[in-house]
Amino acid sequence: MTTTPPDVDVVLPCLNEAEALPWVLARIPPGWRALVVDNGSTDGSAEVARAYGATVVHEPRRGFGAACHAGLTAATADVVCFCDGDASLDPSLLVPFVREIRDGGADLVLGRRRPHGRGAWPVHARAGNLALARMLRRRTGLRLHDLGPLRAARRAPLLALGLTDRRSGYPLQMVVRAADAGWRIVEHDVPYLPRTGASKVTGTWRGTWQAVRDMSRVLSEPPAHQEGRVR
């Protein structure tokens, strides 16, 4: 029996997101596959994900990057998207991102988060993101405003980037290495909603500082001009 491959794989890193997953998974576009990467949940997230039709990938190594990369390596679709599993971002917003990738308008499409609702994006997290965007501009010349998790690209070139960060620096490393490889990178505004449950990274000053430190380490990497070049 031949199984039809998914049109798009959506990687959803997950650590105790049982409450948020029903909302998120209900918004996965038809024909796409949700890959929920369980990063050690203790609230039954994996069971909830399966109940809503998602494919569950288990990644025992803690870390946002570890979960994202496990999803990427498990993906089989030509185009892979990333989205947080905490209901702060609507995965249906990825439809025009994927269209832009397939039409050849960009190699990596990012969502620029625009907060909607009280408490959607804490001030300290926004300040840390702004500082990193400025450092990224100095490092690569890219005039991006956000390093948010909502994004789309083709799977094979992503794997060819050889991403190594397994903590909070993973999203930034993807952008830096893509820029070094000459990718066309664009961003589009997306609404950013108050997340469901407690944040694991940017909900506290300590978590934000750790994320900034991880990402600053990524920015100190020497350029890798040939890796992951899109052909």
N, C-alpha and C. Protein backbone atom coordinates (compact mmCIF):
# COMPACT_ATOMS: atom_id res chain seq x y z
N MET A 1 0.85 -1.20 0.00
CA MET A 1 0.00 0.00 0.00
C MET A 1 0.88 1.25 0.00
N THR A 2 0.65 2.14 -0.95
CA THR A 2 1.45 3.36 -1.07
C THR A 2 0.81 4.49 -0.26
N THR A 3 1.61 5.14 0.55
CA THR A 3 1.13 6.25 1.35
C THR A 3 1.45 7.56 0.66
N THR A 4 0.47 8.40 0.48
CA THR A 4 0.69 9.70 -0.16
C THR A 4 1.47 10.60 0.79
N PRO A 5 2.61 11.13 0.35
CA PRO A 5 3.39 12.00 1.24
C PRO A 5 2.64 13.29 1.52
N PRO A 6 2.88 13.90 2.68
CA PRO A 6 2.20 15.16 3.01
C PRO A 6 2.67 16.29 2.11
N ASP A 7 1.78 17.26 1.86
CA ASP A 7 2.16 18.43 1.07
C ASP A 7 3.22 19.25 1.81
N VAL A 8 3.01 19.40 3.11
CA VAL A 8 3.88 20.21 3.96
C VAL A 8 3.94 19.55 5.33
N ASP A 9 5.10 19.57 5.95
CA ASP A 9 5.23 19.14 7.34
C ASP A 9 5.38 20.37 8.22
N VAL A 10 4.62 20.40 9.33
CA VAL A 10 4.70 21.50 10.28
C VAL A 10 5.28 20.96 11.59
N VAL A 11 6.45 21.43 11.95
CA VAL A 11 7.13 21.00 13.18
C VAL A 11 6.66 21.85 14.34
N LEU A 12 6.16 21.18 15.38
CA LEU A 12 5.64 21.86 16.56
C LEU A 12 6.39 21.36 17.80
N PRO A 13 7.45 22.07 18.23
CA PRO A 13 8.13 21.67 19.46
C PRO A 13 7.17 21.76 20.64
N CYS A 14 7.23 20.78 21.52
CA CYS A 14 6.19 20.69 22.55
C CYS A 14 6.77 20.24 23.89
N LEU A 15 6.52 21.04 24.91
CA LEU A 15 6.85 20.67 26.29
C LEU A 15 5.67 21.10 27.16
N ASN A 16 4.84 20.14 27.51
CA ASN A 16 3.66 20.38 28.35
C ASN A 16 2.72 21.42 27.72
N GLU A 17 2.22 21.08 26.55
CA GLU A 17 1.30 21.97 25.82
C GLU A 17 -0.06 21.31 25.60
N ALA A 18 -0.46 20.39 26.49
CA ALA A 18 -1.71 19.66 26.30
C ALA A 18 -2.91 20.59 26.18
N GLU A 19 -2.91 21.68 26.91
CA GLU A 19 -4.04 22.61 26.88
C GLU A 19 -4.11 23.38 25.58
N ALA A 20 -2.96 23.68 24.99
CA ALA A 20 -2.92 24.51 23.79
C ALA A 20 -3.06 23.70 22.50
N LEU A 21 -2.64 22.46 22.50
CA LEU A 21 -2.55 21.68 21.26
C LEU A 21 -3.87 21.55 20.49
N PRO A 22 -5.01 21.35 21.14
CA PRO A 22 -6.24 21.24 20.34
C PRO A 22 -6.49 22.46 19.46
N TRP A 23 -6.28 23.65 19.99
CA TRP A 23 -6.45 24.88 19.21
C TRP A 23 -5.47 24.93 18.05
N VAL A 24 -4.21 24.61 18.35
CA VAL A 24 -3.16 24.67 17.32
C VAL A 24 -3.42 23.65 16.22
N LEU A 25 -3.65 22.41 16.60
CA LEU A 25 -3.79 21.33 15.61
C LEU A 25 -5.04 21.48 14.76
N ALA A 26 -6.07 22.11 15.30
CA ALA A 26 -7.28 22.35 14.52
C ALA A 26 -7.04 23.34 13.39
N ARG A 27 -5.93 24.08 13.46
CA ARG A 27 -5.63 25.12 12.46
C ARG A 27 -4.53 24.71 11.49
N ILE A 28 -4.12 23.45 11.53
CA ILE A 28 -3.19 22.95 10.52
C ILE A 28 -3.94 22.83 9.20
N PRO A 29 -3.45 23.42 8.11
CA PRO A 29 -4.18 23.37 6.84
C PRO A 29 -4.40 21.95 6.34
N PRO A 30 -5.49 21.71 5.64
CA PRO A 30 -5.78 20.37 5.10
C PRO A 30 -4.66 19.89 4.18
N GLY A 31 -4.30 18.61 4.29
CA GLY A 31 -3.25 18.03 3.47
C GLY A 31 -1.86 18.18 4.06
N TRP A 32 -1.72 18.99 5.10
CA TRP A 32 -0.44 19.16 5.76
C TRP A 32 -0.36 18.19 6.94
N ARG A 33 0.86 17.86 7.34
CA ARG A 33 1.04 16.98 8.49
C ARG A 33 1.66 17.73 9.66
N ALA A 34 1.07 17.55 10.83
CA ALA A 34 1.62 18.13 12.06
C ALA A 34 2.57 17.13 12.70
N LEU A 35 3.81 17.56 12.93
CA LEU A 35 4.81 16.76 13.64
C LEU A 35 5.00 17.38 15.02
N VAL A 36 4.36 16.82 16.02
CA VAL A 36 4.49 17.33 17.38
C VAL A 36 5.69 16.64 18.02
N VAL A 37 6.69 17.42 18.36
CA VAL A 37 7.92 16.86 18.94
C VAL A 37 7.82 16.99 20.45
N ASP A 38 7.56 15.87 21.10
CA ASP A 38 7.41 15.85 22.56
C ASP A 38 8.80 15.87 23.20
N ASN A 39 9.06 16.95 23.92
CA ASN A 39 10.39 17.18 24.50
C ASN A 39 10.43 16.85 25.99
N GLY A 40 9.69 15.80 26.37
CA GLY A 40 9.69 15.37 27.77
C GLY A 40 8.47 15.83 28.54
N SER A 41 7.33 15.95 27.87
CA SER A 41 6.11 16.43 28.53
C SER A 41 5.63 15.45 29.60
N THR A 42 5.03 16.00 30.64
CA THR A 42 4.47 15.18 31.72
C THR A 42 2.96 15.40 31.88
N ASP A 43 2.37 16.13 30.94
CA ASP A 43 0.94 16.47 31.05
C ASP A 43 0.07 15.74 30.03
N GLY A 44 0.62 14.72 29.37
CA GLY A 44 -0.15 13.99 28.38
C GLY A 44 -0.21 14.65 27.02
N SER A 45 0.73 15.54 26.74
CA SER A 45 0.72 16.24 25.45
C SER A 45 0.76 15.27 24.26
N ALA A 46 1.57 14.24 24.36
CA ALA A 46 1.70 13.29 23.25
C ALA A 46 0.36 12.61 22.95
N GLU A 47 -0.36 12.23 23.99
CA GLU A 47 -1.65 11.59 23.79
C GLU A 47 -2.66 12.55 23.17
N VAL A 48 -2.65 13.79 23.61
CA VAL A 48 -3.54 14.79 23.03
C VAL A 48 -3.20 14.99 21.56
N ALA A 49 -1.92 15.07 21.24
CA ALA A 49 -1.49 15.27 19.85
C ALA A 49 -1.98 14.13 18.96
N ARG A 50 -1.82 12.91 19.41
CA ARG A 50 -2.28 11.77 18.61
C ARG A 50 -3.79 11.79 18.44
N ALA A 51 -4.50 12.17 19.50
CA ALA A 51 -5.96 12.21 19.43
C ALA A 51 -6.45 13.21 18.40
N TYR A 52 -5.66 14.24 18.13
CA TYR A 52 -6.03 15.26 17.14
C TYR A 52 -5.35 15.03 15.80
N GLY A 53 -4.83 13.82 15.60
CA GLY A 53 -4.33 13.44 14.29
C GLY A 53 -2.88 13.77 13.99
N ALA A 54 -2.13 14.24 14.96
CA ALA A 54 -0.73 14.60 14.72
C ALA A 54 0.17 13.37 14.79
N THR A 55 1.30 13.45 14.12
CA THR A 55 2.36 12.47 14.27
C THR A 55 3.26 12.93 15.40
N VAL A 56 3.54 12.06 16.35
CA VAL A 56 4.35 12.43 17.52
C VAL A 56 5.78 11.92 17.35
N VAL A 57 6.71 12.82 17.54
CA VAL A 57 8.14 12.49 17.53
C VAL A 57 8.65 12.73 18.94
N HIS A 58 9.38 11.78 19.50
CA HIS A 58 9.91 11.93 20.85
C HIS A 58 11.37 12.37 20.79
N GLU A 59 11.70 13.45 21.50
CA GLU A 59 13.07 13.94 21.61
C GLU A 59 13.39 14.09 23.10
N PRO A 60 14.14 13.14 23.67
CA PRO A 60 14.41 13.19 25.12
C PRO A 60 15.39 14.27 25.53
N ARG A 61 16.25 14.73 24.61
CA ARG A 61 17.20 15.79 24.95
C ARG A 61 16.45 17.11 25.06
N ARG A 62 16.50 17.72 26.23
CA ARG A 62 15.78 18.98 26.43
C ARG A 62 16.45 20.10 25.64
N GLY A 63 15.61 21.00 25.15
CA GLY A 63 16.10 22.16 24.43
C GLY A 63 15.23 22.45 23.22
N PHE A 64 14.94 23.73 23.01
CA PHE A 64 14.10 24.13 21.88
C PHE A 64 14.71 23.67 20.56
N GLY A 65 16.02 23.87 20.41
CA GLY A 65 16.68 23.46 19.18
C GLY A 65 16.67 21.96 18.98
N ALA A 66 16.82 21.22 20.08
CA ALA A 66 16.77 19.76 19.97
C ALA A 66 15.43 19.30 19.45
N ALA A 67 14.35 19.90 19.96
CA ALA A 67 13.01 19.53 19.52
C ALA A 67 12.78 19.92 18.05
N CYS A 68 13.18 21.14 17.68
CA CYS A 68 13.00 21.59 16.30
C CYS A 68 13.76 20.70 15.33
N HIS A 69 15.00 20.37 15.67
CA HIS A 69 15.81 19.59 14.74
C HIS A 69 15.32 18.15 14.64
N ALA A 70 14.82 17.61 15.73
CA ALA A 70 14.23 16.27 15.67
C ALA A 70 13.05 16.25 14.71
N GLY A 71 12.25 17.32 14.73
CA GLY A 71 11.13 17.43 13.81
C GLY A 71 11.60 17.56 12.37
N LEU A 72 12.64 18.35 12.16
CA LEU A 72 13.17 18.53 10.80
C LEU A 72 13.69 17.21 10.25
N THR A 73 14.41 16.46 11.04
CA THR A 73 14.96 15.20 10.55
C THR A 73 13.87 14.15 10.35
N ALA A 74 12.75 14.27 11.06
CA ALA A 74 11.64 13.33 10.89
C ALA A 74 10.75 13.71 9.71
N ALA A 75 10.86 14.94 9.24
CA ALA A 75 10.01 15.42 8.14
C ALA A 75 10.36 14.72 6.83
N THR A 76 9.38 14.59 5.96
CA THR A 76 9.58 13.99 4.64
C THR A 76 9.07 14.89 3.51
N ALA A 77 8.27 15.89 3.85
CA ALA A 77 7.72 16.78 2.82
C ALA A 77 8.81 17.68 2.25
N ASP A 78 8.58 18.18 1.05
CA ASP A 78 9.54 19.08 0.42
C ASP A 78 9.67 20.38 1.19
N VAL A 79 8.55 20.89 1.67
CA VAL A 79 8.55 22.14 2.43
C VAL A 79 8.26 21.83 3.90
N VAL A 80 9.06 22.42 4.78
CA VAL A 80 8.89 22.23 6.22
C VAL A 80 8.64 23.58 6.87
N CYS A 81 7.66 23.62 7.76
CA CYS A 81 7.35 24.83 8.51
C CYS A 81 7.60 24.58 10.00
N PHE A 82 7.77 25.66 10.72
CA PHE A 82 7.94 25.60 12.17
C PHE A 82 6.93 26.55 12.81
N CYS A 83 6.37 26.10 13.94
CA CYS A 83 5.41 26.92 14.66
C CYS A 83 5.42 26.49 16.11
N ASP A 84 5.33 27.43 17.02
CA ASP A 84 5.23 27.08 18.44
C ASP A 84 3.93 26.34 18.71
N GLY A 85 3.94 25.47 19.72
CA GLY A 85 2.75 24.70 20.05
C GLY A 85 1.95 25.26 21.20
N ASP A 86 2.19 26.53 21.56
CA ASP A 86 1.56 27.11 22.75
C ASP A 86 0.36 28.00 22.45
N ALA A 87 -0.13 27.97 21.21
CA ALA A 87 -1.28 28.75 20.78
C ALA A 87 -1.01 30.25 20.68
N SER A 88 0.26 30.65 20.66
CA SER A 88 0.58 32.06 20.46
C SER A 88 0.61 32.43 18.98
N LEU A 89 0.71 31.43 18.12
CA LEU A 89 0.77 31.65 16.68
C LEU A 89 -0.17 30.67 15.99
N ASP A 90 -0.85 31.14 14.96
CA ASP A 90 -1.82 30.34 14.22
C ASP A 90 -1.11 29.69 13.02
N PRO A 91 -1.00 28.36 12.97
CA PRO A 91 -0.29 27.73 11.85
C PRO A 91 -0.95 27.92 10.50
N SER A 92 -2.23 28.30 10.46
CA SER A 92 -2.86 28.56 9.16
C SER A 92 -2.24 29.77 8.47
N LEU A 93 -1.54 30.61 9.24
CA LEU A 93 -0.86 31.77 8.66
C LEU A 93 0.33 31.37 7.78
N LEU A 94 0.70 30.11 7.84
CA LEU A 94 1.84 29.62 7.06
C LEU A 94 1.49 29.38 5.59
N VAL A 95 0.22 29.38 5.25
CA VAL A 95 -0.18 29.09 3.86
C VAL A 95 0.49 30.03 2.86
N PRO A 96 0.43 31.36 3.03
CA PRO A 96 1.13 32.23 2.07
C PRO A 96 2.65 32.11 2.14
N PHE A 97 3.19 31.72 3.30
CA PHE A 97 4.63 31.49 3.41
C PHE A 97 5.05 30.35 2.47
N VAL A 98 4.29 29.26 2.54
CA VAL A 98 4.60 28.10 1.70
C VAL A 98 4.44 28.45 0.23
N ARG A 99 3.41 29.21 -0.10
CA ARG A 99 3.20 29.62 -1.49
C ARG A 99 4.39 30.42 -2.00
N GLU A 100 4.91 31.30 -1.16
CA GLU A 100 6.06 32.12 -1.57
C GLU A 100 7.30 31.26 -1.80
N ILE A 101 7.48 30.24 -0.96
CA ILE A 101 8.61 29.32 -1.15
C ILE A 101 8.45 28.57 -2.48
N ARG A 102 7.28 28.03 -2.71
CA ARG A 102 7.05 27.23 -3.91
C ARG A 102 7.09 28.05 -5.19
N ASP A 103 6.67 29.32 -5.10
CA ASP A 103 6.69 30.19 -6.28
C ASP A 103 8.08 30.74 -6.57
N GLY A 104 9.03 30.47 -5.68
CA GLY A 104 10.40 30.94 -5.89
C GLY A 104 10.65 32.36 -5.45
N GLY A 105 9.73 32.93 -4.68
CA GLY A 105 9.92 34.30 -4.22
C GLY A 105 10.88 34.44 -3.06
N ALA A 106 11.12 33.35 -2.34
CA ALA A 106 12.02 33.39 -1.18
C ALA A 106 12.47 31.97 -0.88
N ASP A 107 13.59 31.88 -0.14
CA ASP A 107 14.10 30.58 0.31
C ASP A 107 13.76 30.32 1.77
N LEU A 108 13.58 31.39 2.53
CA LEU A 108 13.19 31.28 3.94
C LEU A 108 12.23 32.42 4.24
N VAL A 109 11.04 32.08 4.73
CA VAL A 109 10.03 33.09 5.07
C VAL A 109 9.81 33.05 6.57
N LEU A 110 9.89 34.23 7.20
CA LEU A 110 9.76 34.36 8.65
C LEU A 110 8.55 35.20 9.00
N GLY A 111 7.94 34.89 10.14
CA GLY A 111 6.84 35.69 10.64
C GLY A 111 7.33 36.74 11.62
N ARG A 112 7.05 38.00 11.33
CA ARG A 112 7.39 39.09 12.25
C ARG A 112 6.22 39.25 13.22
N ARG A 113 6.45 38.94 14.48
CA ARG A 113 5.38 38.93 15.47
C ARG A 113 4.89 40.34 15.81
N ARG A 114 3.58 40.50 15.74
CA ARG A 114 2.91 41.74 16.14
C ARG A 114 1.96 41.40 17.27
N PRO A 115 2.25 41.83 18.50
CA PRO A 115 1.43 41.40 19.65
C PRO A 115 -0.02 41.83 19.56
N HIS A 116 -0.91 40.88 19.84
CA HIS A 116 -2.36 41.12 19.90
C HIS A 116 -2.83 40.65 21.26
N GLY A 117 -3.35 41.55 22.04
CA GLY A 117 -3.86 41.16 23.34
C GLY A 117 -2.86 41.44 24.45
N ARG A 118 -3.38 41.71 25.62
CA ARG A 118 -2.55 42.06 26.76
C ARG A 118 -1.66 40.88 27.17
N GLY A 119 -0.39 41.15 27.37
CA GLY A 119 0.54 40.13 27.81
C GLY A 119 1.02 39.20 26.72
N ALA A 120 0.75 39.55 25.45
CA ALA A 120 1.14 38.66 24.36
C ALA A 120 2.66 38.55 24.22
N TRP A 121 3.37 39.65 24.50
CA TRP A 121 4.82 39.64 24.32
C TRP A 121 5.43 40.52 25.40
N PRO A 122 5.97 39.93 26.48
CA PRO A 122 6.51 40.73 27.58
C PRO A 122 7.59 41.71 27.10
N VAL A 123 7.68 42.83 27.80
CA VAL A 123 8.60 43.89 27.40
C VAL A 123 10.04 43.39 27.36
N HIS A 124 10.44 42.60 28.36
CA HIS A 124 11.83 42.14 28.39
C HIS A 124 12.14 41.21 27.22
N ALA A 125 11.15 40.39 26.83
CA ALA A 125 11.36 39.50 25.69
C ALA A 125 11.45 40.30 24.39
N ARG A 126 10.63 41.35 24.27
CA ARG A 126 10.67 42.19 23.08
C ARG A 126 12.00 42.93 22.98
N ALA A 127 12.49 43.40 24.12
CA ALA A 127 13.77 44.13 24.13
C ALA A 127 14.92 43.20 23.74
N GLY A 128 14.90 41.98 24.26
CA GLY A 128 15.95 41.02 23.89
C GLY A 128 15.91 40.69 22.42
N ASN A 129 14.73 40.54 21.86
CA ASN A 129 14.59 40.24 20.45
C ASN A 129 15.10 41.39 19.58
N LEU A 130 14.80 42.63 20.00
CA LEU A 130 15.25 43.80 19.25
C LEU A 130 16.78 43.89 19.25
N ALA A 131 17.40 43.62 20.40
CA ALA A 131 18.86 43.66 20.47
C ALA A 131 19.48 42.61 19.56
N LEU A 132 18.90 41.42 19.53
CA LEU A 132 19.43 40.36 18.68
C LEU A 132 19.24 40.70 17.20
N ALA A 133 18.12 41.31 16.85
CA ALA A 133 17.89 41.70 15.46
C ALA A 133 18.94 42.70 14.99
N ARG A 134 19.33 43.60 15.90
CA ARG A 134 20.37 44.58 15.54
C ARG A 134 21.72 43.90 15.38
N MET A 135 22.03 42.96 16.26
CA MET A 135 23.29 42.22 16.14
C MET A 135 23.31 41.38 14.86
N LEU A 136 22.15 40.81 14.53
CA LEU A 136 22.05 40.03 13.29
C LEU A 136 22.30 40.92 12.08
N ARG A 137 21.79 42.14 12.11
CA ARG A 137 21.99 43.06 10.99
C ARG A 137 23.47 43.37 10.81
N ARG A 138 24.17 43.58 11.92
CA ARG A 138 25.61 43.85 11.82
C ARG A 138 26.36 42.63 11.31
N ARG A 139 25.92 41.45 11.68
CA ARG A 139 26.61 40.21 11.30
C ARG A 139 26.34 39.82 9.85
N THR A 140 25.10 40.02 9.36
CA THR A 140 24.72 39.51 8.05
C THR A 140 24.26 40.58 7.06
N GLY A 141 23.90 41.76 7.55
CA GLY A 141 23.34 42.78 6.68
C GLY A 141 21.83 42.66 6.50
N LEU A 142 21.23 41.61 7.05
CA LEU A 142 19.78 41.43 6.93
C LEU A 142 19.04 42.45 7.78
N ARG A 143 18.05 43.10 7.19
CA ARG A 143 17.26 44.09 7.92
C ARG A 143 15.97 43.43 8.41
N LEU A 144 16.13 42.47 9.30
CA LEU A 144 14.99 41.80 9.89
C LEU A 144 14.64 42.45 11.22
N HIS A 145 13.38 42.30 11.61
CA HIS A 145 12.91 42.90 12.86
C HIS A 145 12.62 41.87 13.94
N ASP A 146 12.55 40.60 13.56
CA ASP A 146 12.14 39.58 14.52
C ASP A 146 12.83 38.27 14.17
N LEU A 147 13.03 37.44 15.18
CA LEU A 147 13.61 36.11 14.99
C LEU A 147 12.60 35.07 15.47
N GLY A 148 11.35 35.32 15.16
CA GLY A 148 10.26 34.49 15.66
C GLY A 148 10.26 33.08 15.11
N PRO A 149 9.48 32.19 15.74
CA PRO A 149 9.50 30.78 15.40
C PRO A 149 8.64 30.38 14.21
N LEU A 150 7.76 31.24 13.72
CA LEU A 150 6.91 30.89 12.59
C LEU A 150 7.71 31.09 11.31
N ARG A 151 7.94 29.99 10.56
CA ARG A 151 8.81 30.08 9.39
C ARG A 151 8.60 28.90 8.46
N ALA A 152 9.06 29.05 7.21
CA ALA A 152 8.93 28.01 6.20
C ALA A 152 10.14 28.01 5.29
N ALA A 153 10.54 26.82 4.85
CA ALA A 153 11.65 26.65 3.92
C ALA A 153 11.60 25.24 3.35
N ARG A 154 12.43 24.96 2.36
CA ARG A 154 12.51 23.61 1.82
C ARG A 154 13.39 22.73 2.73
N ARG A 155 12.97 21.47 2.86
CA ARG A 155 13.61 20.57 3.82
C ARG A 155 15.06 20.27 3.49
N ALA A 156 15.36 19.89 2.26
CA ALA A 156 16.72 19.47 1.92
C ALA A 156 17.75 20.58 2.14
N PRO A 157 17.49 21.81 1.68
CA PRO A 157 18.46 22.88 1.97
C PRO A 157 18.60 23.18 3.46
N LEU A 158 17.50 23.05 4.21
CA LEU A 158 17.57 23.26 5.66
C LEU A 158 18.53 22.25 6.29
N LEU A 159 18.39 20.99 5.91
CA LEU A 159 19.26 19.96 6.46
C LEU A 159 20.71 20.21 6.07
N ALA A 160 20.91 20.73 4.86
CA ALA A 160 22.27 20.99 4.38
C ALA A 160 22.95 22.13 5.13
N LEU A 161 22.19 22.95 5.85
CA LEU A 161 22.80 24.02 6.65
C LEU A 161 23.64 23.47 7.79
N GLY A 162 23.41 22.22 8.17
CA GLY A 162 24.19 21.60 9.24
C GLY A 162 24.01 22.28 10.59
N LEU A 163 22.78 22.57 10.95
CA LEU A 163 22.50 23.28 12.21
C LEU A 163 22.94 22.44 13.40
N THR A 164 23.63 23.08 14.34
CA THR A 164 24.20 22.37 15.48
C THR A 164 23.65 22.82 16.83
N ASP A 165 23.08 24.02 16.90
CA ASP A 165 22.57 24.51 18.18
C ASP A 165 21.34 23.70 18.58
N ARG A 166 21.29 23.31 19.83
CA ARG A 166 20.13 22.54 20.30
C ARG A 166 19.43 23.25 21.46
N ARG A 167 19.70 24.52 21.62
CA ARG A 167 19.05 25.30 22.67
C ARG A 167 18.26 26.44 22.03
N SER A 168 18.25 27.58 22.67
CA SER A 168 17.45 28.70 22.18
C SER A 168 18.03 29.37 20.94
N GLY A 169 19.28 29.07 20.62
CA GLY A 169 19.92 29.71 19.48
C GLY A 169 19.56 29.10 18.13
N TYR A 170 18.81 28.01 18.14
CA TYR A 170 18.50 27.31 16.89
C TYR A 170 17.82 28.20 15.84
N PRO A 171 16.78 28.96 16.18
CA PRO A 171 16.14 29.79 15.14
C PRO A 171 17.09 30.82 14.54
N LEU A 172 17.93 31.40 15.37
CA LEU A 172 18.89 32.38 14.88
C LEU A 172 19.96 31.73 14.02
N GLN A 173 20.45 30.57 14.45
CA GLN A 173 21.48 29.88 13.66
C GLN A 173 20.96 29.55 12.27
N MET A 174 19.68 29.19 12.19
CA MET A 174 19.10 28.91 10.88
C MET A 174 19.17 30.14 9.98
N VAL A 175 18.84 31.31 10.54
CA VAL A 175 18.85 32.53 9.75
C VAL A 175 20.28 32.93 9.37
N VAL A 176 21.21 32.84 10.32
CA VAL A 176 22.59 33.22 10.07
C VAL A 176 23.20 32.35 8.98
N ARG A 177 23.04 31.04 9.11
CA ARG A 177 23.65 30.15 8.12
C ARG A 177 22.96 30.25 6.77
N ALA A 178 21.66 30.50 6.78
CA ALA A 178 20.96 30.72 5.51
C ALA A 178 21.48 31.98 4.83
N ALA A 179 21.69 33.04 5.60
CA ALA A 179 22.23 34.28 5.04
C ALA A 179 23.63 34.07 4.48
N ASP A 180 24.46 33.34 5.22
CA ASP A 180 25.81 33.05 4.74
C ASP A 180 25.79 32.26 3.44
N ALA A 181 24.75 31.43 3.26
CA ALA A 181 24.64 30.61 2.06
C ALA A 181 23.95 31.33 0.91
N GLY A 182 23.61 32.59 1.10
CA GLY A 182 23.02 33.38 0.03
C GLY A 182 21.53 33.20 -0.17
N TRP A 183 20.84 32.71 0.85
CA TRP A 183 19.39 32.54 0.73
C TRP A 183 18.67 33.89 0.65
N ARG A 184 17.54 33.88 -0.03
CA ARG A 184 16.64 35.04 -0.02
C ARG A 184 15.71 34.88 1.18
N ILE A 185 15.82 35.83 2.12
CA ILE A 185 15.09 35.73 3.38
C ILE A 185 14.15 36.92 3.50
N VAL A 186 12.88 36.65 3.75
CA VAL A 186 11.89 37.72 3.88
C VAL A 186 11.08 37.50 5.15
N GLU A 187 10.43 38.57 5.62
CA GLU A 187 9.56 38.44 6.78
C GLU A 187 8.24 39.14 6.51
N HIS A 188 7.17 38.62 7.14
CA HIS A 188 5.84 39.18 7.01
C HIS A 188 5.20 39.29 8.39
N ASP A 189 4.42 40.31 8.59
CA ASP A 189 3.74 40.50 9.87
C ASP A 189 2.76 39.38 10.15
N VAL A 190 2.74 38.92 11.40
CA VAL A 190 1.76 37.92 11.84
C VAL A 190 1.29 38.31 13.24
N PRO A 191 0.02 38.07 13.57
CA PRO A 191 -0.45 38.37 14.93
C PRO A 191 0.14 37.40 15.94
N TYR A 192 0.55 37.94 17.07
CA TYR A 192 1.16 37.16 18.15
C TYR A 192 0.22 37.23 19.35
N LEU A 193 -0.32 36.10 19.74
CA LEU A 193 -1.37 36.04 20.75
C LEU A 193 -0.80 35.66 22.11
N PRO A 194 -1.51 35.97 23.19
CA PRO A 194 -1.06 35.51 24.51
C PRO A 194 -1.00 33.98 24.52
N ARG A 195 0.14 33.43 24.93
CA ARG A 195 0.30 31.98 24.89
C ARG A 195 -0.58 31.31 25.95
N THR A 196 -0.87 30.04 25.72
CA THR A 196 -1.59 29.23 26.69
C THR A 196 -0.58 28.55 27.60
N GLY A 197 -0.69 28.77 28.91
CA GLY A 197 0.25 28.17 29.85
C GLY A 197 1.48 29.04 30.06
N ALA A 198 2.42 28.52 30.85
CA ALA A 198 3.62 29.27 31.21
C ALA A 198 4.70 29.13 30.16
N SER A 199 5.40 30.23 29.86
CA SER A 199 6.49 30.20 28.91
C SER A 199 7.71 29.49 29.48
N LYS A 200 8.37 28.70 28.61
CA LYS A 200 9.58 27.99 29.05
C LYS A 200 10.84 28.81 28.82
N VAL A 201 10.74 29.85 28.00
CA VAL A 201 11.95 30.60 27.64
C VAL A 201 11.80 32.07 27.99
N THR A 202 10.91 32.79 27.30
CA THR A 202 10.89 34.25 27.41
C THR A 202 9.86 34.77 28.41
N GLY A 203 9.27 33.92 29.21
CA GLY A 203 8.29 34.38 30.18
C GLY A 203 8.92 35.03 31.40
N THR A 204 10.24 34.89 31.56
CA THR A 204 10.94 35.46 32.70
C THR A 204 12.19 36.17 32.21
N TRP A 205 12.70 37.07 33.06
CA TRP A 205 13.97 37.74 32.73
C TRP A 205 15.09 36.71 32.59
N ARG A 206 15.11 35.72 33.48
CA ARG A 206 16.17 34.71 33.43
C ARG A 206 16.12 33.91 32.13
N GLY A 207 14.90 33.51 31.74
CA GLY A 207 14.76 32.76 30.50
C GLY A 207 15.15 33.58 29.29
N THR A 208 14.77 34.86 29.29
CA THR A 208 15.14 35.74 28.19
C THR A 208 16.65 35.92 28.12
N TRP A 209 17.28 36.10 29.27
CA TRP A 209 18.73 36.27 29.29
C TRP A 209 19.44 35.03 28.76
N GLN A 210 18.94 33.85 29.13
CA GLN A 210 19.54 32.61 28.64
C GLN A 210 19.40 32.52 27.13
N ALA A 211 18.23 32.90 26.61
CA ALA A 211 18.02 32.87 25.17
C ALA A 211 18.95 33.83 24.45
N VAL A 212 19.09 35.04 25.00
CA VAL A 212 19.99 36.03 24.39
C VAL A 212 21.43 35.53 24.42
N ARG A 213 21.82 34.89 25.50
CA ARG A 213 23.18 34.36 25.60
C ARG A 213 23.42 33.25 24.58
N ASP A 214 22.44 32.35 24.43
CA ASP A 214 22.56 31.29 23.43
C ASP A 214 22.69 31.88 22.03
N MET A 215 21.87 32.89 21.74
CA MET A 215 21.88 33.47 20.41
C MET A 215 23.14 34.30 20.15
N SER A 216 23.65 34.95 21.18
CA SER A 216 24.88 35.72 21.02
C SER A 216 26.04 34.79 20.66
N ARG A 217 26.01 33.59 21.20
CA ARG A 217 27.04 32.60 20.88
C ARG A 217 26.96 32.23 19.40
N VAL A 218 25.75 32.11 18.88
CA VAL A 218 25.56 31.78 17.47
C VAL A 218 26.12 32.89 16.59
N LEU A 219 25.90 34.14 16.99
CA LEU A 219 26.37 35.26 16.18
C LEU A 219 27.89 35.36 16.12
N SER A 220 28.56 34.70 17.04
CA SER A 220 30.03 34.73 17.04
C SER A 220 30.63 33.67 16.13
N GLU A 221 29.79 32.82 15.52
CA GLU A 221 30.29 31.80 14.61
C GLU A 221 30.91 32.44 13.38
N PRO A 222 32.00 31.87 12.85
CA PRO A 222 32.55 32.38 11.59
C PRO A 222 31.61 32.07 10.44
N PRO A 223 31.60 32.91 9.41
CA PRO A 223 30.71 32.67 8.27
C PRO A 223 30.99 31.32 7.61
N ALA A 224 29.91 30.67 7.15
CA ALA A 224 30.02 29.42 6.40
C ALA A 224 29.33 29.65 5.07
N HIS A 225 30.09 30.13 4.09
CA HIS A 225 29.48 30.67 2.88
C HIS A 225 28.88 29.62 1.95
N GLN A 226 29.32 28.38 2.02
CA GLN A 226 28.87 27.41 1.06
C GLN A 226 27.80 26.46 1.59
N GLU A 227 27.67 26.31 2.89
CA GLU A 227 26.76 25.33 3.43
C GLU A 227 25.31 25.68 3.13
N GLY A 228 24.54 24.66 2.73
CA GLY A 228 23.11 24.82 2.57
C GLY A 228 22.70 25.76 1.46
N ARG A 229 23.57 25.98 0.46
CA ARG A 229 23.20 26.90 -0.62
C ARG A 229 22.04 26.35 -1.40
N VAL A 230 21.04 27.19 -1.66
CA VAL A 230 19.86 26.78 -2.41
C VAL A 230 20.18 26.82 -3.89
N ARG A 231 19.83 25.75 -4.57
CA ARG A 231 20.08 25.69 -6.01
C ARG A 231 18.76 25.68 -6.77
